[in-house]
Amino acid sequence: MILIASPGQGAQTPGFLQPWLEVPGVADRLAWWSAVTGLDLVRYGTTADAEEIRDTAVAQPLLVAAALAAYETLYGPGSAPEAVAGHSVGELAAAAIAGVLTPESALVLVRERGRAMAEAAAVTETGMTAVLGGDPDEVLAAIDKHGLTPANVNGAGQVVAAGTTERLAAFADEPPARARLRPLSVAGAFHTEHMAPAVDTLRRLAPGVPVADPRATLLQNRDGAAVSSGREFVSRLVDQVSAPVRWDACMATMRDLGVTGIIELPPAGTLVGLARRELKGVPAVALKTPDDLGKARELIEGAGS
């Protein structure tokens, strides 16, 4: 079983889409999706600087569009993967890949999600810090002590603390033993109570979105469960905006399902890195540029032989 993984916000880097524009059809798709989102996705993915693509309202549609463009290049029309999962905003791409949403519906939702989350983040100065290593219980206790939220529990010794910048600063002054802290390039405390206004916005929109049940095994961030109802997945996706991402639980489900290979869509690397540490022995391909398509296709073909 091959699982396609779509990364979350913070994975983007300036120019990461440039090599994909050389693939026939990709520029056309991005031009259409730029009209859907009201953003010049080609410019943001090629010549925009790091600060421009740090903007939540830009980063989220850009990431989903990039993942979908690469997925369509990899699989082509009429085929689908056996399993899909997305980290945070990557869940919108995963929903489209699994057939729960059309690409256009996913991009409209992510456009509104990004705007609403950017507005919520502007209310209070907040941020996120990755905590690498340390004793898991001690890390969670330290996060709680400083009034922060473990917004991403990513597995492989990585937890992301989120909250106000003041509390994050105090946390940095008193880090957990044997842990390294790395501030993330995001514009707010995502997947915490600070995102409640964004949840309200999406709850008003979600009932009108056309959905279908997934045509692939589709994992969800709340608890790593495989969700078989498209409507339930969209409801969970909305609530997830203010709830912690349990990527550790997603990887546990991958293990239980017997996933034999993982392909991460661009801007790839983060989720493959976690999988290589947590799911040892499972082949993983980071689809960073079109040069990696060959390795990804070999993995897919090997699984089907």
C-alpha atoms as a PDB file:
ATOM      1  CA  MET A   1       0.000   0.000   0.000  1.00  0.00           C
ATOM      2  CA  ILE A   2       1.436   3.347  -1.123  1.00  0.00           C
ATOM      3  CA  LEU A   3       0.433   6.430   0.843  1.00  0.00           C
ATOM      4  CA  ILE A   4       0.561   9.933  -0.620  1.00  0.00           C
ATOM      5  CA  ALA A   5       1.373  12.590   1.999  1.00  0.00           C
ATOM      6  CA  SER A   6       0.779  16.329   1.622  1.00  0.00           C
ATOM      7  CA  PRO A   7       2.838  18.699   3.818  1.00  0.00           C
ATOM      8  CA  GLY A   8       1.664  21.586   5.961  1.00  0.00           C
ATOM      9  CA  GLN A   9       2.434  25.258   6.342  1.00  0.00           C
ATOM     10  CA  GLY A  10       6.047  26.142   6.978  1.00  0.00           C
ATOM     11  CA  ALA A  11       7.342  23.671   4.396  1.00  0.00           C
ATOM     12  CA  GLN A  12       7.314  26.284   1.616  1.00  0.00           C
ATOM     13  CA  THR A  13      10.561  27.889   0.436  1.00  0.00           C
ATOM     14  CA  PRO A  14      11.125  30.635  -2.144  1.00  0.00           C
ATOM     15  CA  GLY A  15      11.142  29.339  -5.718  1.00  0.00           C
ATOM     16  CA  PHE A  16      10.101  25.771  -4.891  1.00  0.00           C
ATOM     17  CA  LEU A  17       7.584  25.651  -7.769  1.00  0.00           C
ATOM     18  CA  GLN A  18      10.023  26.825 -10.448  1.00  0.00           C
ATOM     19  CA  PRO A  19      11.090  23.387 -11.766  1.00  0.00           C
ATOM     20  CA  TRP A  20       7.475  22.178 -11.910  1.00  0.00           C
ATOM     21  CA  LEU A  21       6.574  24.826 -14.476  1.00  0.00           C
ATOM     22  CA  GLU A  22       8.675  22.905 -16.992  1.00  0.00           C
ATOM     23  CA  VAL A  23       6.222  19.977 -16.801  1.00  0.00           C
ATOM     24  CA  PRO A  24       3.602  20.190 -19.581  1.00  0.00           C
ATOM     25  CA  GLY A  25       0.224  21.301 -18.250  1.00  0.00           C
ATOM     26  CA  VAL A  26       1.351  22.460 -14.819  1.00  0.00           C
ATOM     27  CA  ALA A  27       1.527  26.165 -15.689  1.00  0.00           C
ATOM     28  CA  ASP A  28      -1.959  25.963 -17.203  1.00  0.00           C
ATOM     29  CA  ARG A  29      -3.390  24.339 -14.097  1.00  0.00           C
ATOM     30  CA  LEU A  30      -1.751  26.919 -11.864  1.00  0.00           C
ATOM     31  CA  ALA A  31      -3.111  29.722 -14.036  1.00  0.00           C
ATOM     32  CA  TRP A  32      -6.630  28.335 -13.597  1.00  0.00           C
ATOM     33  CA  TRP A  33      -6.178  27.790  -9.881  1.00  0.00           C
ATOM     34  CA  SER A  34      -4.817  31.339  -9.589  1.00  0.00           C
ATOM     35  CA  ALA A  35      -8.188  32.512 -10.899  1.00  0.00           C
ATOM     36  CA  VAL A  36      -9.955  30.294  -8.358  1.00  0.00           C
ATOM     37  CA  THR A  37      -7.921  31.596  -5.406  1.00  0.00           C
ATOM     38  CA  GLY A  38      -7.449  35.185  -6.541  1.00  0.00           C
ATOM     39  CA  LEU A  39      -3.686  34.781  -6.095  1.00  0.00           C
ATOM     40  CA  ASP A  40      -0.851  34.708  -8.621  1.00  0.00           C
ATOM     41  CA  LEU A  41       0.282  31.240  -7.611  1.00  0.00           C
ATOM     42  CA  VAL A  42       3.005  31.098 -10.260  1.00  0.00           C
ATOM     43  CA  ARG A  43       4.650  34.263  -8.972  1.00  0.00           C
ATOM     44  CA  TYR A  44       4.321  33.224  -5.342  1.00  0.00           C
ATOM     45  CA  GLY A  45       5.826  29.817  -6.124  1.00  0.00           C
ATOM     46  CA  THR A  46       8.737  31.155  -8.160  1.00  0.00           C
ATOM     47  CA  THR A  47       9.884  34.751  -7.556  1.00  0.00           C
ATOM     48  CA  ALA A  48       8.229  35.783  -4.285  1.00  0.00           C
ATOM     49  CA  ASP A  49      10.480  36.076  -1.246  1.00  0.00           C
ATOM     50  CA  ALA A  50      10.236  34.182   2.038  1.00  0.00           C
ATOM     51  CA  GLU A  51       8.265  36.906   3.802  1.00  0.00           C
ATOM     52  CA  GLU A  52       5.612  37.047   1.068  1.00  0.00           C
ATOM     53  CA  ILE A  53       4.969  33.314   1.166  1.00  0.00           C
ATOM     54  CA  ARG A  54       4.991  33.308   4.959  1.00  0.00           C
ATOM     55  CA  ASP A  55       1.646  35.145   4.807  1.00  0.00           C
ATOM     56  CA  THR A  56      -0.963  32.572   5.836  1.00  0.00           C
ATOM     57  CA  ALA A  57      -3.460  33.761   3.219  1.00  0.00           C
ATOM     58  CA  VAL A  58      -0.826  33.088   0.533  1.00  0.00           C
ATOM     59  CA  ALA A  59       0.996  30.055   1.924  1.00  0.00           C
ATOM     60  CA  GLN A  60      -2.029  27.827   2.358  1.00  0.00           C
ATOM     61  CA  PRO A  61      -3.471  28.040  -1.198  1.00  0.00           C
ATOM     62  CA  LEU A  62       0.073  27.843  -2.593  1.00  0.00           C
ATOM     63  CA  LEU A  63       0.811  24.620  -0.722  1.00  0.00           C
ATOM     64  CA  VAL A  64      -2.445  22.946  -1.728  1.00  0.00           C
ATOM     65  CA  ALA A  65      -2.065  23.963  -5.377  1.00  0.00           C
ATOM     66  CA  ALA A  66       1.536  22.722  -5.476  1.00  0.00           C
ATOM     67  CA  ALA A  67       0.587  19.367  -3.976  1.00  0.00           C
ATOM     68  CA  LEU A  68      -2.293  18.876  -6.408  1.00  0.00           C
ATOM     69  CA  ALA A  69      -0.219  19.859  -9.440  1.00  0.00           C
ATOM     70  CA  ALA A  70       2.502  17.370  -8.520  1.00  0.00           C
ATOM     71  CA  TYR A  71      -0.047  14.663  -7.721  1.00  0.00           C
ATOM     72  CA  GLU A  72      -1.716  15.059 -11.125  1.00  0.00           C
ATOM     73  CA  THR A  73       1.697  14.852 -12.781  1.00  0.00           C
ATOM     74  CA  LEU A  74       2.576  11.690 -10.882  1.00  0.00           C
ATOM     75  CA  TYR A  75      -0.661   9.757 -11.313  1.00  0.00           C
ATOM     76  CA  GLY A  76      -2.328  11.241 -14.374  1.00  0.00           C
ATOM     77  CA  PRO A  77      -6.076  11.024 -15.075  1.00  0.00           C
ATOM     78  CA  GLY A  78      -8.126   8.017 -14.075  1.00  0.00           C
ATOM     79  CA  SER A  79      -5.880   6.633 -11.342  1.00  0.00           C
ATOM     80  CA  ALA A  80      -5.633   7.139  -7.618  1.00  0.00           C
ATOM     81  CA  PRO A  81      -3.413   6.103  -4.701  1.00  0.00           C
ATOM     82  CA  GLU A  82      -4.442   3.518  -2.144  1.00  0.00           C
ATOM     83  CA  ALA A  83      -4.034   5.830   0.861  1.00  0.00           C
ATOM     84  CA  VAL A  84      -3.698   9.561   1.491  1.00  0.00           C
ATOM     85  CA  ALA A  85      -2.916  11.825   4.445  1.00  0.00           C
ATOM     86  CA  GLY A  86      -2.215  15.521   4.821  1.00  0.00           C
ATOM     87  CA  HIS A  87      -0.556  17.451   7.617  1.00  0.00           C
ATOM     88  CA  SER A  88      -2.630  20.464   8.713  1.00  0.00           C
ATOM     89  CA  VAL A  89      -3.492  22.451   5.560  1.00  0.00           C
ATOM     90  CA  GLY A  90      -2.251  19.440   3.608  1.00  0.00           C
ATOM     91  CA  GLU A  91      -5.550  17.803   4.551  1.00  0.00           C
ATOM     92  CA  LEU A  92      -7.251  19.963   1.901  1.00  0.00           C
ATOM     93  CA  ALA A  93      -4.994  18.515  -0.777  1.00  0.00           C
ATOM     94  CA  ALA A  94      -5.520  15.026   0.646  1.00  0.00           C
ATOM     95  CA  ALA A  95      -9.301  15.490   0.480  1.00  0.00           C
ATOM     96  CA  ALA A  96      -9.073  16.433  -3.204  1.00  0.00           C
ATOM     97  CA  ILE A  97      -6.733  13.536  -4.011  1.00  0.00           C
ATOM     98  CA  ALA A  98      -9.109  11.103  -2.306  1.00  0.00           C
ATOM     99  CA  GLY A  99     -12.067  12.526  -4.260  1.00  0.00           C
ATOM    100  CA  VAL A 100     -13.863  14.015  -1.252  1.00  0.00           C
ATOM    101  CA  LEU A 101     -13.529  17.496  -2.788  1.00  0.00           C
ATOM    102  CA  THR A 102     -12.860  18.685  -6.316  1.00  0.00           C
ATOM    103  CA  PRO A 103      -9.583  20.575  -6.692  1.00  0.00           C
ATOM    104  CA  GLU A 104     -11.577  23.783  -7.133  1.00  0.00           C
ATOM    105  CA  SER A 105     -13.642  23.191  -3.973  1.00  0.00           C
ATOM    106  CA  ALA A 106     -10.478  22.415  -2.025  1.00  0.00           C
ATOM    107  CA  LEU A 107      -8.865  25.631  -3.260  1.00  0.00           C
ATOM    108  CA  VAL A 108     -11.908  27.762  -2.434  1.00  0.00           C
ATOM    109  CA  LEU A 109     -11.987  26.292   1.065  1.00  0.00           C
ATOM    110  CA  VAL A 110      -8.257  26.779   1.561  1.00  0.00           C
ATOM    111  CA  ARG A 111      -8.522  30.337   0.266  1.00  0.00           C
ATOM    112  CA  GLU A 112     -11.133  31.110   2.916  1.00  0.00           C
ATOM    113  CA  ARG A 113      -9.254  29.067   5.542  1.00  0.00           C
ATOM    114  CA  GLY A 114      -6.051  30.997   4.914  1.00  0.00           C
ATOM    115  CA  ARG A 115      -7.783  34.370   5.072  1.00  0.00           C
ATOM    116  CA  ALA A 116      -9.704  33.493   8.224  1.00  0.00           C
ATOM    117  CA  MET A 117      -6.644  32.095   9.983  1.00  0.00           C
ATOM    118  CA  ALA A 118      -4.589  35.160   9.012  1.00  0.00           C
ATOM    119  CA  GLU A 119      -7.290  37.409  10.483  1.00  0.00           C
ATOM    120  CA  ALA A 120      -7.440  35.327  13.668  1.00  0.00           C
ATOM    121  CA  ALA A 121      -3.634  35.415  13.972  1.00  0.00           C
ATOM    122  CA  ALA A 122      -3.652  39.214  13.709  1.00  0.00           C
ATOM    123  CA  VAL A 123      -5.709  39.586  16.899  1.00  0.00           C
ATOM    124  CA  THR A 124      -2.887  38.528  19.235  1.00  0.00           C
ATOM    125  CA  GLU A 125       0.850  38.173  18.618  1.00  0.00           C
ATOM    126  CA  THR A 126       1.371  34.422  18.542  1.00  0.00           C
ATOM    127  CA  GLY A 127       3.684  31.839  17.041  1.00  0.00           C
ATOM    128  CA  MET A 128       4.915  28.248  17.038  1.00  0.00           C
ATOM    129  CA  THR A 129       8.163  26.590  18.141  1.00  0.00           C
ATOM    130  CA  ALA A 130       9.297  23.078  17.304  1.00  0.00           C
ATOM    131  CA  VAL A 131      10.630  21.079  20.231  1.00  0.00           C
ATOM    132  CA  LEU A 132      13.088  18.421  19.071  1.00  0.00           C
ATOM    133  CA  GLY A 133      14.110  15.606  21.393  1.00  0.00           C
ATOM    134  CA  GLY A 134      13.791  15.455  25.148  1.00  0.00           C
ATOM    135  CA  ASP A 135      11.648  13.112  27.217  1.00  0.00           C
ATOM    136  CA  PRO A 136       8.109  13.196  25.723  1.00  0.00           C
ATOM    137  CA  ASP A 137       6.368  13.517  29.087  1.00  0.00           C
ATOM    138  CA  GLU A 138       8.758  16.246  30.236  1.00  0.00           C
ATOM    139  CA  VAL A 139       8.279  18.137  26.973  1.00  0.00           C
ATOM    140  CA  LEU A 140       4.488  18.087  27.287  1.00  0.00           C
ATOM    141  CA  ALA A 141       4.704  19.088  30.954  1.00  0.00           C
ATOM    142  CA  ALA A 142       6.943  22.048  30.095  1.00  0.00           C
ATOM    143  CA  ILE A 143       4.586  23.165  27.327  1.00  0.00           C
ATOM    144  CA  ASP A 144       1.656  23.017  29.730  1.00  0.00           C
ATOM    145  CA  LYS A 145       3.589  24.810  32.470  1.00  0.00           C
ATOM    146  CA  HIS A 146       4.050  27.832  30.206  1.00  0.00           C
ATOM    147  CA  GLY A 147       0.406  27.941  29.130  1.00  0.00           C
ATOM    148  CA  LEU A 148       1.154  26.755  25.607  1.00  0.00           C
ATOM    149  CA  THR A 149      -0.546  24.148  23.438  1.00  0.00           C
ATOM    150  CA  PRO A 150       1.128  21.068  21.852  1.00  0.00           C
ATOM    151  CA  ALA A 151      -0.326  22.104  18.490  1.00  0.00           C
ATOM    152  CA  ASN A 152       1.470  19.438  16.460  1.00  0.00           C
ATOM    153  CA  VAL A 153       2.424  16.103  17.973  1.00  0.00           C
ATOM    154  CA  ASN A 154       4.465  14.863  15.045  1.00  0.00           C
ATOM    155  CA  GLY A 155       6.107  11.743  16.391  1.00  0.00           C
ATOM    156  CA  ALA A 156       9.789  10.884  15.964  1.00  0.00           C
ATOM    157  CA  GLY A 157      10.639  13.102  18.944  1.00  0.00           C
ATOM    158  CA  GLN A 158       9.032  16.269  17.592  1.00  0.00           C
ATOM    159  CA  VAL A 159       6.310  18.378  19.209  1.00  0.00           C
ATOM    160  CA  VAL A 160       5.339  21.912  18.201  1.00  0.00           C
ATOM    161  CA  ALA A 161       4.411  24.317  20.991  1.00  0.00           C
ATOM    162  CA  ALA A 162       2.101  27.207  20.128  1.00  0.00           C
ATOM    163  CA  GLY A 163       0.766  30.273  21.887  1.00  0.00           C
ATOM    164  CA  THR A 164       1.525  33.904  22.534  1.00  0.00           C
ATOM    165  CA  THR A 165       5.000  35.187  21.730  1.00  0.00           C
ATOM    166  CA  GLU A 166       5.418  36.211  25.360  1.00  0.00           C
ATOM    167  CA  ARG A 167       4.796  32.672  26.577  1.00  0.00           C
ATOM    168  CA  LEU A 168       6.981  31.205  23.831  1.00  0.00           C
ATOM    169  CA  ALA A 169       9.809  33.492  24.952  1.00  0.00           C
ATOM    170  CA  ALA A 170       9.450  32.297  28.541  1.00  0.00           C
ATOM    171  CA  PHE A 171       9.423  28.703  27.270  1.00  0.00           C
ATOM    172  CA  ALA A 172      12.645  29.371  25.334  1.00  0.00           C
ATOM    173  CA  ASP A 173      14.269  30.680  28.515  1.00  0.00           C
ATOM    174  CA  GLU A 174      13.376  27.460  30.335  1.00  0.00           C
ATOM    175  CA  PRO A 175      13.406  24.662  27.732  1.00  0.00           C
ATOM    176  CA  PRO A 176      12.846  20.996  28.552  1.00  0.00           C
ATOM    177  CA  ALA A 177      15.986  19.012  29.350  1.00  0.00           C
ATOM    178  CA  ARG A 178      17.865  17.592  26.358  1.00  0.00           C
ATOM    179  CA  ALA A 179      15.511  19.317  23.899  1.00  0.00           C
ATOM    180  CA  ARG A 180      16.300  21.764  21.087  1.00  0.00           C
ATOM    181  CA  LEU A 181      13.897  24.567  20.226  1.00  0.00           C
ATOM    182  CA  ARG A 182      13.398  25.905  16.701  1.00  0.00           C
ATOM    183  CA  PRO A 183      10.976  28.783  16.035  1.00  0.00           C
ATOM    184  CA  LEU A 184       8.839  28.114  12.947  1.00  0.00           C
ATOM    185  CA  SER A 185       8.246  30.490  10.043  1.00  0.00           C
ATOM    186  CA  VAL A 186       4.485  30.743  10.507  1.00  0.00           C
ATOM    187  CA  ALA A 187       2.327  33.744  11.261  1.00  0.00           C
ATOM    188  CA  GLY A 188       0.305  32.506  14.217  1.00  0.00           C
ATOM    189  CA  ALA A 189      -0.555  29.841  16.775  1.00  0.00           C
ATOM    190  CA  PHE A 190      -2.353  27.461  14.462  1.00  0.00           C
ATOM    191  CA  HIS A 191      -4.323  24.520  15.839  1.00  0.00           C
ATOM    192  CA  THR A 192      -4.974  26.296  19.138  1.00  0.00           C
ATOM    193  CA  GLU A 193      -7.818  28.237  20.721  1.00  0.00           C
ATOM    194  CA  HIS A 194      -6.488  31.368  18.980  1.00  0.00           C
ATOM    195  CA  MET A 195      -7.964  30.006  15.732  1.00  0.00           C
ATOM    196  CA  ALA A 196     -11.552  29.758  17.013  1.00  0.00           C
ATOM    197  CA  PRO A 197     -12.789  32.670  14.814  1.00  0.00           C
ATOM    198  CA  ALA A 198     -11.506  30.848  11.723  1.00  0.00           C
ATOM    199  CA  VAL A 199     -13.410  27.725  12.724  1.00  0.00           C
ATOM    200  CA  ASP A 200     -16.620  29.785  12.927  1.00  0.00           C
ATOM    201  CA  THR A 201     -16.016  31.122   9.409  1.00  0.00           C
ATOM    202  CA  LEU A 202     -15.466  27.671   7.931  1.00  0.00           C
ATOM    203  CA  ARG A 203     -18.476  26.202   9.745  1.00  0.00           C
ATOM    204  CA  ARG A 204     -20.684  28.669   7.883  1.00  0.00           C
ATOM    205  CA  LEU A 205     -19.223  27.598   4.530  1.00  0.00           C
ATOM    206  CA  ALA A 206     -18.777  23.851   4.920  1.00  0.00           C
ATOM    207  CA  PRO A 207     -22.451  22.733   4.700  1.00  0.00           C
ATOM    208  CA  GLY A 208     -22.701  24.067   1.147  1.00  0.00           C
ATOM    209  CA  VAL A 209     -19.568  22.385  -0.170  1.00  0.00           C
ATOM    210  CA  PRO A 210     -20.275  19.430  -2.510  1.00  0.00           C
ATOM    211  CA  VAL A 211     -18.563  16.324  -1.132  1.00  0.00           C
ATOM    212  CA  ALA A 212     -18.202  12.642  -2.004  1.00  0.00           C
ATOM    213  CA  ASP A 213     -16.989   9.705   0.021  1.00  0.00           C
ATOM    214  CA  PRO A 214     -13.253   8.999  -0.363  1.00  0.00           C
ATOM    215  CA  ARG A 215     -12.070   6.605  -3.057  1.00  0.00           C
ATOM    216  CA  ALA A 216      -8.873   5.921  -1.101  1.00  0.00           C
ATOM    217  CA  THR A 217      -8.061   5.268   2.544  1.00  0.00           C
ATOM    218  CA  LEU A 218      -8.035   8.799   3.966  1.00  0.00           C
ATOM    219  CA  LEU A 219      -6.423   9.512   7.338  1.00  0.00           C
ATOM    220  CA  GLN A 220      -7.383  12.484   9.499  1.00  0.00           C
ATOM    221  CA  ASN A 221      -5.257  14.580  11.827  1.00  0.00           C
ATOM    222  CA  ARG A 222      -7.446  14.525  14.936  1.00  0.00           C
ATOM    223  CA  ASP A 223      -6.671  10.926  15.847  1.00  0.00           C
ATOM    224  CA  GLY A 224      -5.131   9.288  12.781  1.00  0.00           C
ATOM    225  CA  ALA A 225      -8.395   7.519  11.974  1.00  0.00           C
ATOM    226  CA  ALA A 226      -9.292   6.427   8.459  1.00  0.00           C
ATOM    227  CA  VAL A 227     -12.505   8.318   7.689  1.00  0.00           C
ATOM    228  CA  SER A 228     -14.929   6.722   5.212  1.00  0.00           C
ATOM    229  CA  SER A 229     -17.498   9.532   5.076  1.00  0.00           C
ATOM    230  CA  GLY A 230     -16.692  12.585   2.980  1.00  0.00           C
ATOM    231  CA  ARG A 231     -19.049  14.801   4.945  1.00  0.00           C
ATOM    232  CA  GLU A 232     -17.516  13.678   8.241  1.00  0.00           C
ATOM    233  CA  PHE A 233     -14.018  14.353   6.904  1.00  0.00           C
ATOM    234  CA  VAL A 234     -14.926  17.924   5.931  1.00  0.00           C
ATOM    235  CA  SER A 235     -16.496  18.483   9.366  1.00  0.00           C
ATOM    236  CA  ARG A 236     -13.355  17.178  11.044  1.00  0.00           C
ATOM    237  CA  LEU A 237     -11.198  19.281   8.749  1.00  0.00           C
ATOM    238  CA  VAL A 238     -13.022  22.436   9.891  1.00  0.00           C
ATOM    239  CA  ASP A 239     -12.713  21.594  13.593  1.00  0.00           C
ATOM    240  CA  GLN A 240      -9.037  20.722  13.123  1.00  0.00           C
ATOM    241  CA  VAL A 241      -8.165  24.383  12.565  1.00  0.00           C
ATOM    242  CA  SER A 242      -8.266  24.954  16.342  1.00  0.00           C
ATOM    243  CA  ALA A 243      -7.340  21.418  17.459  1.00  0.00           C
ATOM    244  CA  PRO A 244      -3.879  19.806  17.696  1.00  0.00           C
ATOM    245  CA  VAL A 245      -2.522  17.824  14.743  1.00  0.00           C
ATOM    246  CA  ARG A 246      -1.726  14.249  15.756  1.00  0.00           C
ATOM    247  CA  TRP A 247       0.652  13.208  12.992  1.00  0.00           C
ATOM    248  CA  ASP A 248       2.078  10.629  15.395  1.00  0.00           C
ATOM    249  CA  ALA A 249      -1.340   8.953  15.375  1.00  0.00           C
ATOM    250  CA  CYS A 250      -1.465   9.139  11.576  1.00  0.00           C
ATOM    251  CA  MET A 251       1.880   7.335  11.359  1.00  0.00           C
ATOM    252  CA  ALA A 252       0.671   4.712  13.843  1.00  0.00           C
ATOM    253  CA  THR A 253      -2.295   4.071  11.542  1.00  0.00           C
ATOM    254  CA  MET A 254       0.055   3.833   8.562  1.00  0.00           C
ATOM    255  CA  ARG A 255       1.925   1.115  10.415  1.00  0.00           C
ATOM    256  CA  ASP A 256      -1.314  -0.710  11.282  1.00  0.00           C
ATOM    257  CA  LEU A 257      -2.510  -0.517   7.667  1.00  0.00           C
ATOM    258  CA  GLY A 258       0.729  -2.033   6.434  1.00  0.00           C
ATOM    259  CA  VAL A 259       1.793   0.936   4.328  1.00  0.00           C
ATOM    260  CA  THR A 260       4.733  -0.202   2.195  1.00  0.00           C
ATOM    261  CA  GLY A 261       5.800   3.143   0.748  1.00  0.00           C
ATOM    262  CA  ILE A 262       5.267   6.873   1.281  1.00  0.00           C
ATOM    263  CA  ILE A 263       5.500   9.632  -1.326  1.00  0.00           C
ATOM    264  CA  GLU A 264       5.486  13.205  -0.039  1.00  0.00           C
ATOM    265  CA  LEU A 265       4.233  15.890  -2.409  1.00  0.00           C
ATOM    266  CA  PRO A 266       6.054  19.221  -2.760  1.00  0.00           C
ATOM    267  CA  PRO A 267       7.405  21.108  -1.001  1.00  0.00           C
ATOM    268  CA  ALA A 268       8.536  17.719   0.258  1.00  0.00           C
ATOM    269  CA  GLY A 269      10.956  16.623   2.951  1.00  0.00           C
ATOM    270  CA  THR A 270       9.428  17.201   6.369  1.00  0.00           C
ATOM    271  CA  LEU A 271       6.974  14.288   6.447  1.00  0.00           C
ATOM    272  CA  VAL A 272       9.404  11.890   4.777  1.00  0.00           C
ATOM    273  CA  GLY A 273      11.958  12.805   7.455  1.00  0.00           C
ATOM    274  CA  LEU A 274       9.486  11.958  10.210  1.00  0.00           C
ATOM    275  CA  ALA A 275       8.525   8.698   8.509  1.00  0.00           C
ATOM    276  CA  ARG A 276      12.121   7.578   8.124  1.00  0.00           C
ATOM    277  CA  ARG A 277      12.637   7.955  11.868  1.00  0.00           C
ATOM    278  CA  GLU A 278       9.265   6.574  13.002  1.00  0.00           C
ATOM    279  CA  LEU A 279       8.467   3.972  10.309  1.00  0.00           C
ATOM    280  CA  LYS A 280      11.890   2.447   9.859  1.00  0.00           C
ATOM    281  CA  GLY A 281      12.185   0.197   6.836  1.00  0.00           C
ATOM    282  CA  VAL A 282       9.288   1.784   4.929  1.00  0.00           C
ATOM    283  CA  PRO A 283      10.628   3.299   1.677  1.00  0.00           C
ATOM    284  CA  ALA A 284       9.854   6.994   1.322  1.00  0.00           C
ATOM    285  CA  VAL A 285      10.317   9.443  -1.551  1.00  0.00           C
ATOM    286  CA  ALA A 286      10.358  13.224  -1.161  1.00  0.00           C
ATOM    287  CA  LEU A 287       8.919  14.539  -4.425  1.00  0.00           C
ATOM    288  CA  LYS A 288      10.763  17.859  -4.393  1.00  0.00           C
ATOM    289  CA  THR A 289      11.217  18.400  -8.135  1.00  0.00           C
ATOM    290  CA  PRO A 290      10.196  16.596 -11.348  1.00  0.00           C
ATOM    291  CA  ASP A 291      13.577  14.855 -11.206  1.00  0.00           C
ATOM    292  CA  ASP A 292      12.127  12.772  -8.347  1.00  0.00           C
ATOM    293  CA  LEU A 293       9.170  11.485 -10.399  1.00  0.00           C
ATOM    294  CA  GLY A 294      11.133   8.456 -11.564  1.00  0.00           C
ATOM    295  CA  LYS A 295      11.841   7.284  -8.015  1.00  0.00           C
ATOM    296  CA  ALA A 296       8.212   7.846  -7.030  1.00  0.00           C
ATOM    297  CA  ARG A 297       6.920   5.854 -10.000  1.00  0.00           C
ATOM    298  CA  GLU A 298       9.329   3.020  -9.279  1.00  0.00           C
ATOM    299  CA  LEU A 299       7.937   2.863  -5.742  1.00  0.00           C
ATOM    300  CA  ILE A 300       4.347   2.756  -7.062  1.00  0.00           C
ATOM    301  CA  GLU A 301       5.159   0.120  -9.672  1.00  0.00           C
ATOM    302  CA  GLY A 302       7.031  -1.984  -7.130  1.00  0.00           C
ATOM    303  CA  ALA A 303       4.017  -1.983  -4.816  1.00  0.00           C
ATOM    304  CA  GLY A 304       1.797  -3.240  -7.636  1.00  0.00           C
ATOM    305  CA  SER A 305       4.084  -6.071  -8.720  1.00  0.00           C
END
